[in-house]
Amino acid sequence: MATTPQPGTTGTTETGPPPARSVLRDTAFLRLWAGTTASGLATWALPFVLGLAVLHRELGAAGLGLVLAARTAGFLAAVAVGGVLADRHSRRAVVFWSALAAAAAAPLLALGLGRSLVLMTLAAALAGAGQGACRPAFQALTAETVAVGHRQQANAAMTMAVRTSTLAGPTLTALLAAFVDAGTLLLGIGLLWLVAALLPGRGATAPRADAVSAAPAAAPRASLRAEFVDGIREARRHPWFLAGLGALTAVIALGYSATGVALPLVSRDRYGTEWVLAAAMTAYTVGALGGALVTARRRPRSQGWSALAGLALYGFAPLSLMLPVHPAVVVAAYAVAGIGIELFNVPWFTATQREVAPDKLARVSSLDFLLSYGLAPVGLALMAPAIGVFGVTAVLAVCAGACFLVPAAAALVPTARHFGRAPGPRTD
């Protein structure tokens, strides 16, 4: 149903039945989908390939930690800048140059492998910067490429591609590693980034900030910092966004970090096997695929509450680890958590693309990635000492409670029920 347009919105909602024509028949979206999938696969593959290098003694454990930390630092430094640039210039151009930077980092990593840890660290920072700069640009480019009524289906297709890569990637990489070395695999990652740089096209509808700033030609352009602050102001206009981002950050920094540290310990100490660890992580990915399939067509009346309830389902993962249950219960809890995370992610991305002012969308998306991804390493760093001091059960109990309670509190915020303005009456 159409609603009264307001500044920064499209004037439509996505609570009715999904469009009859599949977005997967749109060539422009398929190019964007393939490029995003290539970037996601390259992002996932790098730490796995570097882990193989450790196994082959081409890189030490301390060196691996340093290289991965440099990649994270590069990501955090570039994601905010990338958001501003993607709102200031062509989103397609930002995707191209950031992915090209990540592609250029791959041969440098291969060159430094086993020879120069300094070169590998600098190359990893460059790879992280390319990854960070392209994330908000991809989000905004999706809104430019896909019509409003198709965006939830498009976002579901995007996340299904990422989850499929996560599920099939380890097997594929392990098979390739039997025939080629880690250096060659790193070059393959560079080729994936080249695909991400070259394949997506320009958005069909692009409400550009450039057009606004070009009117008074003599007016000086604001600084990067000022434009990022302007993006924060836009985010503050949407209470549902701040509440949802707070809930997502809490679940990732506490719940996801706690289970990331505790699951290997519980699998080893309680069940005496690595099978529980592998089965739980696989169940999480399969559950996420199922959640994405559901959200591709599901349009609940109160989409914000439904999404936040899905996010809260992650609490069952740490809850299952703190109780002496059969390992099948742990696996089932992780499957439920995977379903829930995509019940949140897809409507969350779709609502952001719909409600945020188009010329500030990349900056608001960069704020999303900066907080949710940026605080995750902090949570991981603090989780092991906390478990050492308070014990694994106490830490898991606190984190499970946060996963359940913080999304529930976010649901009480005005506009959180619908992730935006209330829709009109349904006609389906």
Protein backbone atom coordinates (compact mmCIF):
# COMPACT_ATOMS: atom_id res chain seq x y z
CA MET A 1 0.00 0.00 0.00
CA ALA A 2 1.17 3.53 -0.72
CA THR A 3 1.57 5.93 2.16
CA THR A 4 2.19 9.63 2.35
CA PRO A 5 5.80 10.25 1.26
CA GLN A 6 8.15 11.83 3.77
CA PRO A 7 11.68 13.17 3.32
CA GLY A 8 14.21 10.36 3.11
CA THR A 9 11.72 7.66 2.18
CA THR A 10 10.31 6.19 -0.97
CA GLY A 11 6.73 6.58 0.16
CA THR A 12 6.00 2.85 -0.08
CA THR A 13 6.10 -0.14 2.20
CA GLU A 14 6.76 -3.81 1.60
CA THR A 15 4.11 -5.40 3.78
CA GLY A 16 1.90 -6.66 0.95
CA PRO A 17 2.41 -9.78 -1.14
CA PRO A 18 5.78 -10.01 -2.88
CA PRO A 19 6.03 -8.97 -6.54
CA ALA A 20 5.05 -11.63 -9.07
CA ARG A 21 8.17 -11.22 -11.22
CA SER A 22 11.29 -12.58 -9.57
CA VAL A 23 14.22 -10.24 -9.10
CA LEU A 24 16.41 -13.13 -10.26
CA ARG A 25 15.22 -12.39 -13.81
CA ASP A 26 16.70 -8.89 -13.67
CA THR A 27 20.09 -8.81 -15.43
CA ALA A 28 21.27 -5.69 -13.58
CA PHE A 29 20.55 -7.30 -10.23
CA LEU A 30 22.18 -10.58 -11.26
CA ARG A 31 25.39 -8.71 -12.10
CA LEU A 32 25.27 -6.95 -8.73
CA TRP A 33 24.47 -10.22 -6.98
CA ALA A 34 27.41 -12.00 -8.62
CA GLY A 35 29.79 -9.16 -7.73
CA THR A 36 28.59 -9.07 -4.12
CA THR A 37 28.88 -12.85 -3.90
CA ALA A 38 32.45 -12.72 -5.23
CA SER A 39 33.38 -10.08 -2.64
CA GLY A 40 31.78 -12.09 0.16
CA LEU A 41 33.57 -15.28 -0.89
CA ALA A 42 36.90 -13.42 -1.09
CA THR A 43 36.33 -11.87 2.34
CA TRP A 44 35.55 -15.25 3.90
CA ALA A 45 38.36 -17.08 2.10
CA LEU A 46 41.29 -14.92 3.25
CA PRO A 47 41.47 -16.03 6.91
CA PHE A 48 40.87 -19.65 5.86
CA VAL A 49 43.73 -19.60 3.34
CA LEU A 50 46.01 -17.89 5.85
CA GLY A 51 45.10 -20.64 8.30
CA LEU A 52 46.24 -23.19 5.73
CA ALA A 53 49.51 -21.27 5.48
CA VAL A 54 49.97 -21.73 9.23
CA LEU A 55 49.38 -25.47 8.86
CA HIS A 56 52.05 -25.57 6.14
CA ARG A 57 54.41 -23.55 8.37
CA GLU A 58 54.60 -20.67 5.89
CA LEU A 59 53.17 -18.34 8.54
CA GLY A 60 53.37 -18.48 12.33
CA ALA A 61 50.42 -18.25 14.71
CA ALA A 62 51.56 -14.83 15.97
CA GLY A 63 51.97 -13.66 12.38
CA LEU A 64 48.47 -14.86 11.55
CA GLY A 65 47.05 -12.84 14.44
CA LEU A 66 48.94 -9.73 13.34
CA VAL A 67 47.82 -10.04 9.71
CA LEU A 68 44.16 -10.58 10.65
CA ALA A 69 44.30 -7.67 13.10
CA ALA A 70 45.69 -5.45 10.33
CA ARG A 71 42.83 -6.49 8.06
CA THR A 72 40.29 -5.61 10.75
CA ALA A 73 41.98 -2.25 11.36
CA GLY A 74 41.89 -1.51 7.63
CA PHE A 75 38.21 -2.39 7.50
CA LEU A 76 37.28 -0.13 10.41
CA ALA A 77 39.35 2.76 9.08
CA ALA A 78 37.81 2.58 5.61
CA VAL A 79 34.17 1.73 6.24
CA ALA A 80 33.22 5.21 7.45
CA VAL A 81 35.23 6.92 4.70
CA GLY A 82 33.73 4.56 2.12
CA GLY A 83 30.22 5.48 3.25
CA VAL A 84 30.91 9.19 2.78
CA LEU A 85 32.54 8.67 -0.62
CA ALA A 86 29.67 6.46 -1.81
CA ASP A 87 27.19 9.24 -0.97
CA ARG A 88 29.46 11.91 -2.43
CA HIS A 89 30.34 10.13 -5.69
CA SER A 90 29.06 7.28 -7.86
CA ARG A 91 28.38 4.16 -5.79
CA ARG A 92 29.52 2.09 -8.77
CA ALA A 93 32.87 3.91 -8.82
CA VAL A 94 33.40 3.36 -5.09
CA VAL A 95 32.71 -0.36 -5.50
CA PHE A 96 35.16 -0.50 -8.41
CA TRP A 97 38.09 1.25 -6.70
CA SER A 98 37.65 -0.37 -3.29
CA ALA A 99 37.38 -3.87 -4.78
CA LEU A 100 40.37 -3.09 -7.00
CA ALA A 101 42.38 -2.14 -3.90
CA ALA A 102 41.46 -5.46 -2.27
CA ALA A 103 42.43 -7.27 -5.49
CA ALA A 104 45.82 -5.52 -5.53
CA ALA A 105 46.45 -6.66 -1.95
CA ALA A 106 46.21 -10.35 -2.88
CA PRO A 107 49.46 -10.66 -4.89
CA LEU A 108 51.23 -8.61 -2.21
CA LEU A 109 50.08 -11.11 0.40
CA ALA A 110 51.30 -13.96 -1.79
CA LEU A 111 54.64 -12.22 -2.31
CA GLY A 112 55.15 -11.68 1.41
CA LEU A 113 54.09 -15.20 2.42
CA GLY A 114 57.07 -16.88 4.03
CA ARG A 115 59.28 -13.88 3.22
CA SER A 116 58.11 -10.62 4.81
CA LEU A 117 55.59 -10.34 7.63
CA VAL A 118 55.72 -6.54 7.29
CA LEU A 119 54.62 -6.72 3.65
CA MET A 120 51.83 -9.16 4.54
CA THR A 121 50.61 -6.89 7.34
CA LEU A 122 50.47 -3.84 5.07
CA ALA A 123 48.77 -5.86 2.33
CA ALA A 124 46.19 -7.19 4.80
CA ALA A 125 45.41 -3.63 5.91
CA LEU A 126 44.87 -2.70 2.24
CA ALA A 127 42.61 -5.72 1.74
CA GLY A 128 40.59 -4.79 4.82
CA ALA A 129 40.30 -1.19 3.61
CA GLY A 130 38.95 -2.35 0.26
CA GLN A 131 36.50 -4.66 1.96
CA GLY A 132 35.33 -1.96 4.35
CA ALA A 133 34.91 0.74 1.71
CA CYS A 134 32.85 -1.46 -0.62
CA ARG A 135 30.33 -2.69 1.98
CA PRO A 136 28.24 0.49 2.35
CA ALA A 137 28.61 1.18 -1.37
CA PHE A 138 27.16 -2.25 -2.20
CA GLN A 139 24.22 -1.59 0.16
CA ALA A 140 23.44 1.72 -1.48
CA LEU A 141 23.97 0.32 -4.99
CA THR A 142 21.36 -2.35 -4.24
CA ALA A 143 18.82 0.39 -3.50
CA GLU A 144 19.71 2.07 -6.80
CA THR A 145 19.52 -1.14 -8.84
CA VAL A 146 16.44 -2.85 -7.39
CA ALA A 147 12.91 -1.43 -7.32
CA VAL A 148 11.35 -0.95 -3.89
CA GLY A 149 8.95 -3.87 -4.14
CA HIS A 150 11.75 -6.30 -5.00
CA ARG A 151 14.32 -5.29 -2.37
CA GLN A 152 13.41 -7.81 0.31
CA GLN A 153 13.67 -10.60 -2.23
CA ALA A 154 16.96 -9.13 -3.46
CA ASN A 155 18.43 -8.89 0.04
CA ALA A 156 17.36 -12.47 0.74
CA ALA A 157 19.12 -13.59 -2.44
CA MET A 158 22.25 -11.70 -1.38
CA THR A 159 22.41 -13.31 2.03
CA MET A 160 21.65 -16.77 0.62
CA ALA A 161 24.68 -16.42 -1.65
CA VAL A 162 26.88 -15.50 1.30
CA ARG A 163 25.62 -18.41 3.40
CA THR A 164 26.03 -20.87 0.53
CA SER A 165 29.63 -19.71 0.09
CA THR A 166 30.23 -20.22 3.80
CA LEU A 167 28.79 -23.71 3.63
CA ALA A 168 30.53 -24.91 0.46
CA GLY A 169 33.68 -22.79 0.68
CA PRO A 170 35.68 -24.88 3.18
CA THR A 171 35.24 -28.04 1.11
CA LEU A 172 36.14 -26.28 -2.13
CA THR A 173 39.19 -24.58 -0.63
CA ALA A 174 40.39 -27.82 0.96
CA LEU A 175 40.08 -29.56 -2.40
CA LEU A 176 42.01 -26.79 -4.17
CA ALA A 177 44.67 -26.87 -1.44
CA ALA A 178 45.42 -30.45 -2.40
CA PHE A 179 46.62 -29.26 -5.80
CA VAL A 180 47.91 -25.68 -5.31
CA ASP A 181 49.77 -23.86 -2.55
CA ALA A 182 48.54 -21.02 -0.32
CA GLY A 183 50.18 -18.38 -2.52
CA THR A 184 48.17 -19.50 -5.53
CA LEU A 185 44.99 -19.51 -3.46
CA LEU A 186 45.72 -15.91 -2.42
CA LEU A 187 45.99 -14.98 -6.11
CA GLY A 188 42.60 -16.65 -6.60
CA ILE A 189 41.19 -14.36 -3.93
CA GLY A 190 42.52 -11.43 -5.95
CA LEU A 191 40.64 -12.71 -9.00
CA LEU A 192 37.43 -12.83 -6.97
CA TRP A 193 37.92 -9.18 -6.03
CA LEU A 194 38.44 -8.35 -9.70
CA VAL A 195 35.06 -9.93 -10.44
CA ALA A 196 33.54 -7.83 -7.66
CA ALA A 197 35.12 -4.70 -9.16
CA LEU A 198 34.17 -5.27 -12.79
CA LEU A 199 30.84 -7.09 -12.82
CA PRO A 200 28.26 -4.78 -11.13
CA GLY A 201 26.71 -2.09 -13.31
CA ARG A 202 25.60 1.43 -12.50
CA GLY A 203 22.30 1.76 -10.65
CA ALA A 204 19.26 2.57 -12.76
CA THR A 205 17.94 5.16 -10.31
CA ALA A 206 20.54 7.20 -8.51
CA PRO A 207 19.40 10.16 -6.37
CA ARG A 208 22.83 11.66 -6.13
CA ALA A 209 24.13 14.00 -3.51
CA ASP A 210 26.32 15.42 -6.32
CA ALA A 211 23.29 16.93 -8.00
CA VAL A 212 22.42 18.81 -4.83
CA SER A 213 25.92 20.02 -4.19
CA ALA A 214 26.42 21.03 -7.82
CA ALA A 215 23.64 23.63 -7.76
CA PRO A 216 25.59 26.29 -5.84
CA ALA A 217 28.80 25.64 -7.79
CA ALA A 218 30.85 28.05 -5.71
CA ALA A 219 29.89 26.51 -2.35
CA PRO A 220 32.78 24.60 -0.77
CA ARG A 221 32.24 20.91 -0.12
CA ALA A 222 31.99 19.80 3.51
CA SER A 223 34.81 17.73 5.00
CA LEU A 224 34.62 13.95 5.24
CA ARG A 225 34.10 14.25 8.98
CA ALA A 226 31.26 16.75 8.59
CA GLU A 227 29.52 14.56 6.02
CA PHE A 228 29.86 11.49 8.23
CA VAL A 229 28.36 13.45 11.14
CA ASP A 230 25.52 14.38 8.78
CA GLY A 231 24.98 10.66 8.25
CA ILE A 232 24.80 10.18 12.02
CA ARG A 233 22.12 12.89 12.17
CA GLU A 234 20.17 11.02 9.52
CA ALA A 235 20.44 7.81 11.58
CA ARG A 236 19.16 9.67 14.65
CA ARG A 237 16.03 10.62 12.71
CA HIS A 238 15.02 6.95 12.81
CA PRO A 239 14.56 5.65 16.38
CA TRP A 240 13.93 2.15 15.06
CA PHE A 241 17.35 2.16 13.39
CA LEU A 242 19.22 3.17 16.55
CA ALA A 243 17.31 0.60 18.60
CA GLY A 244 17.87 -2.18 16.07
CA LEU A 245 21.55 -1.32 15.70
CA GLY A 246 21.98 -1.39 19.48
CA ALA A 247 20.33 -4.82 19.64
CA LEU A 248 22.40 -6.17 16.75
CA THR A 249 25.63 -4.85 18.27
CA ALA A 250 24.81 -6.43 21.63
CA VAL A 251 24.04 -9.81 20.08
CA ILE A 252 27.24 -9.82 18.00
CA ALA A 253 29.59 -8.37 20.63
CA LEU A 254 28.22 -10.55 23.47
CA GLY A 255 26.31 -13.53 22.12
CA TYR A 256 28.32 -14.24 18.99
CA SER A 257 31.63 -13.60 20.76
CA ALA A 258 30.70 -15.79 23.72
CA THR A 259 29.69 -18.73 21.56
CA GLY A 260 32.76 -18.26 19.34
CA VAL A 261 35.00 -18.80 22.36
CA ALA A 262 32.84 -21.23 24.34
CA LEU A 263 31.71 -23.65 21.62
CA PRO A 264 35.18 -25.17 21.00
CA LEU A 265 35.73 -25.45 24.77
CA VAL A 266 32.37 -27.11 25.40
CA SER A 267 32.77 -29.41 22.39
CA ARG A 268 36.15 -30.56 23.72
CA ASP A 269 35.57 -30.65 27.48
CA ARG A 270 31.91 -31.71 27.79
CA TYR A 271 31.41 -33.91 24.73
CA GLY A 272 35.01 -34.97 24.07
CA THR A 273 34.75 -34.57 20.32
CA GLU A 274 35.17 -31.95 17.62
CA TRP A 275 32.02 -33.24 15.93
CA VAL A 276 29.76 -30.98 18.01
CA LEU A 277 31.74 -27.90 16.95
CA ALA A 278 31.54 -28.77 13.26
CA ALA A 279 27.89 -29.85 13.38
CA ALA A 280 26.78 -26.74 15.27
CA MET A 281 28.49 -24.35 12.84
CA THR A 282 27.06 -26.23 9.87
CA ALA A 283 23.58 -26.16 11.43
CA TYR A 284 23.89 -22.41 11.94
CA THR A 285 24.66 -21.85 8.26
CA VAL A 286 21.91 -24.20 7.09
CA GLY A 287 19.48 -22.47 9.44
CA ALA A 288 20.51 -19.09 8.03
CA LEU A 289 19.82 -20.37 4.50
CA GLY A 290 16.38 -21.47 5.64
CA GLY A 291 15.74 -18.10 7.28
CA ALA A 292 16.70 -16.29 4.08
CA LEU A 293 14.32 -18.48 2.07
CA VAL A 294 11.49 -17.63 4.46
CA THR A 295 12.12 -13.89 4.38
CA ALA A 296 12.28 -13.82 0.56
CA ARG A 297 8.47 -14.04 0.52
CA ARG A 298 7.34 -13.49 4.10
CA ARG A 299 5.78 -10.06 4.79
CA PRO A 300 4.62 -9.94 8.44
CA ARG A 301 2.30 -7.15 9.53
CA SER A 302 4.74 -6.01 12.25
CA GLN A 303 8.02 -6.60 10.44
CA GLY A 304 10.18 -4.80 13.02
CA TRP A 305 8.90 -6.84 15.95
CA SER A 306 9.20 -10.01 13.89
CA ALA A 307 12.80 -9.16 12.96
CA LEU A 308 13.80 -8.34 16.54
CA ALA A 309 12.20 -11.57 17.74
CA GLY A 310 14.31 -13.40 15.17
CA LEU A 311 17.45 -11.64 16.42
CA ALA A 312 16.63 -12.70 20.00
CA LEU A 313 16.60 -16.35 18.90
CA TYR A 314 20.41 -16.23 18.93
CA GLY A 315 20.15 -16.43 22.72
CA PHE A 316 19.38 -20.13 22.42
CA ALA A 317 22.95 -20.77 21.22
CA PRO A 318 24.73 -19.65 24.43
CA LEU A 319 21.85 -21.08 26.49
CA SER A 320 22.40 -24.55 25.02
CA LEU A 321 26.12 -24.37 25.80
CA MET A 322 25.61 -23.62 29.50
CA LEU A 323 23.27 -26.58 30.09
CA PRO A 324 24.25 -30.29 30.23
CA VAL A 325 22.11 -31.28 27.26
CA HIS A 326 22.42 -33.87 24.52
CA PRO A 327 24.66 -32.62 21.69
CA ALA A 328 21.68 -32.76 19.31
CA VAL A 329 20.10 -29.99 21.38
CA VAL A 330 23.17 -27.80 20.84
CA VAL A 331 23.03 -28.43 17.10
CA ALA A 332 19.30 -27.64 17.02
CA ALA A 333 19.86 -24.43 19.01
CA TYR A 334 22.43 -23.26 16.48
CA ALA A 335 20.03 -24.03 13.62
CA VAL A 336 17.38 -21.89 15.34
CA ALA A 337 19.93 -19.12 15.86
CA GLY A 338 20.81 -19.22 12.16
CA ILE A 339 17.17 -18.95 11.15
CA GLY A 340 16.68 -16.04 13.52
CA ILE A 341 19.66 -14.02 12.35
CA GLU A 342 18.31 -13.92 8.78
CA LEU A 343 14.78 -13.21 9.97
CA PHE A 344 16.42 -10.03 11.26
CA ASN A 345 19.04 -9.27 8.61
CA VAL A 346 16.86 -9.24 5.50
CA PRO A 347 14.09 -6.95 6.82
CA TRP A 348 16.76 -4.80 8.49
CA PHE A 349 18.65 -4.14 5.26
CA THR A 350 15.39 -3.67 3.36
CA ALA A 351 14.01 -1.16 5.85
CA THR A 352 17.27 0.80 5.86
CA GLN A 353 17.19 1.04 2.06
CA ARG A 354 13.54 2.13 2.19
CA GLU A 355 13.48 4.60 5.07
CA VAL A 356 16.86 6.35 5.03
CA ALA A 357 17.34 9.40 2.82
CA PRO A 358 18.79 8.07 -0.48
CA ASP A 359 21.73 10.51 -0.53
CA LYS A 360 22.74 9.44 3.01
CA LEU A 361 22.12 5.70 2.70
CA ALA A 362 25.78 4.68 2.34
CA ARG A 363 26.82 6.72 5.38
CA VAL A 364 24.07 5.22 7.55
CA SER A 365 25.00 1.74 6.30
CA SER A 366 28.64 2.41 7.16
CA LEU A 367 27.57 3.32 10.71
CA ASP A 368 25.79 -0.04 10.87
CA PHE A 369 28.91 -1.97 9.80
CA LEU A 370 31.21 0.18 11.93
CA LEU A 371 29.40 -0.60 15.19
CA SER A 372 28.17 -4.14 14.62
CA TYR A 373 31.44 -5.40 13.08
CA GLY A 374 33.73 -2.98 14.91
CA LEU A 375 32.78 -4.07 18.41
CA ALA A 376 32.92 -7.79 17.59
CA PRO A 377 36.75 -7.99 17.96
CA VAL A 378 36.45 -6.20 21.30
CA GLY A 379 33.94 -8.77 22.48
CA LEU A 380 36.16 -11.63 21.33
CA ALA A 381 39.19 -10.12 23.06
CA LEU A 382 37.36 -9.73 26.38
CA MET A 383 35.45 -13.00 26.33
CA ALA A 384 38.33 -15.39 27.10
CA PRO A 385 39.56 -13.35 30.15
CA ALA A 386 35.96 -13.08 31.38
CA ILE A 387 35.52 -16.85 31.14
CA GLY A 388 38.79 -17.30 33.00
CA VAL A 389 37.62 -15.05 35.87
CA PHE A 390 33.89 -15.81 36.16
CA GLY A 391 33.63 -19.24 34.52
CA VAL A 392 32.06 -20.27 31.24
CA THR A 393 28.57 -20.84 32.68
CA ALA A 394 28.26 -17.38 34.23
CA VAL A 395 29.51 -15.62 31.10
CA LEU A 396 27.20 -17.61 28.85
CA ALA A 397 24.24 -16.86 31.16
CA VAL A 398 24.88 -13.10 30.97
CA CYS A 399 25.32 -13.20 27.21
CA ALA A 400 22.21 -15.31 26.66
CA GLY A 401 20.23 -12.89 28.82
CA ALA A 402 21.51 -9.96 26.76
CA CYS A 403 20.51 -11.71 23.51
CA PHE A 404 16.95 -12.12 24.78
CA LEU A 405 16.49 -8.83 26.65
CA VAL A 406 18.19 -6.21 24.44
CA PRO A 407 16.08 -6.96 21.32
CA ALA A 408 12.98 -7.01 23.55
CA ALA A 409 13.90 -3.56 24.85
CA ALA A 410 14.53 -2.36 21.30
CA ALA A 411 11.01 -3.47 20.35
CA LEU A 412 9.59 -0.91 22.81
CA VAL A 413 11.13 2.02 20.91
CA PRO A 414 8.72 4.12 18.80
CA THR A 415 8.63 3.06 15.11
CA ALA A 416 10.39 -0.25 15.95
CA ARG A 417 7.21 -2.25 15.35
CA HIS A 418 7.34 -1.64 11.59
CA PHE A 419 10.97 -0.51 11.17
CA GLY A 420 9.55 2.81 10.07
CA ARG A 421 6.13 4.40 9.70
CA ALA A 422 3.11 2.16 10.24
CA PRO A 423 1.84 0.68 6.97
CA GLY A 424 -1.67 1.16 5.71
CA PRO A 425 -4.25 -1.61 5.88
CA ARG A 426 -3.30 -4.74 4.05
CA THR A 427 -5.23 -5.73 0.94
CA ASP A 428 -3.99 -9.30 0.55
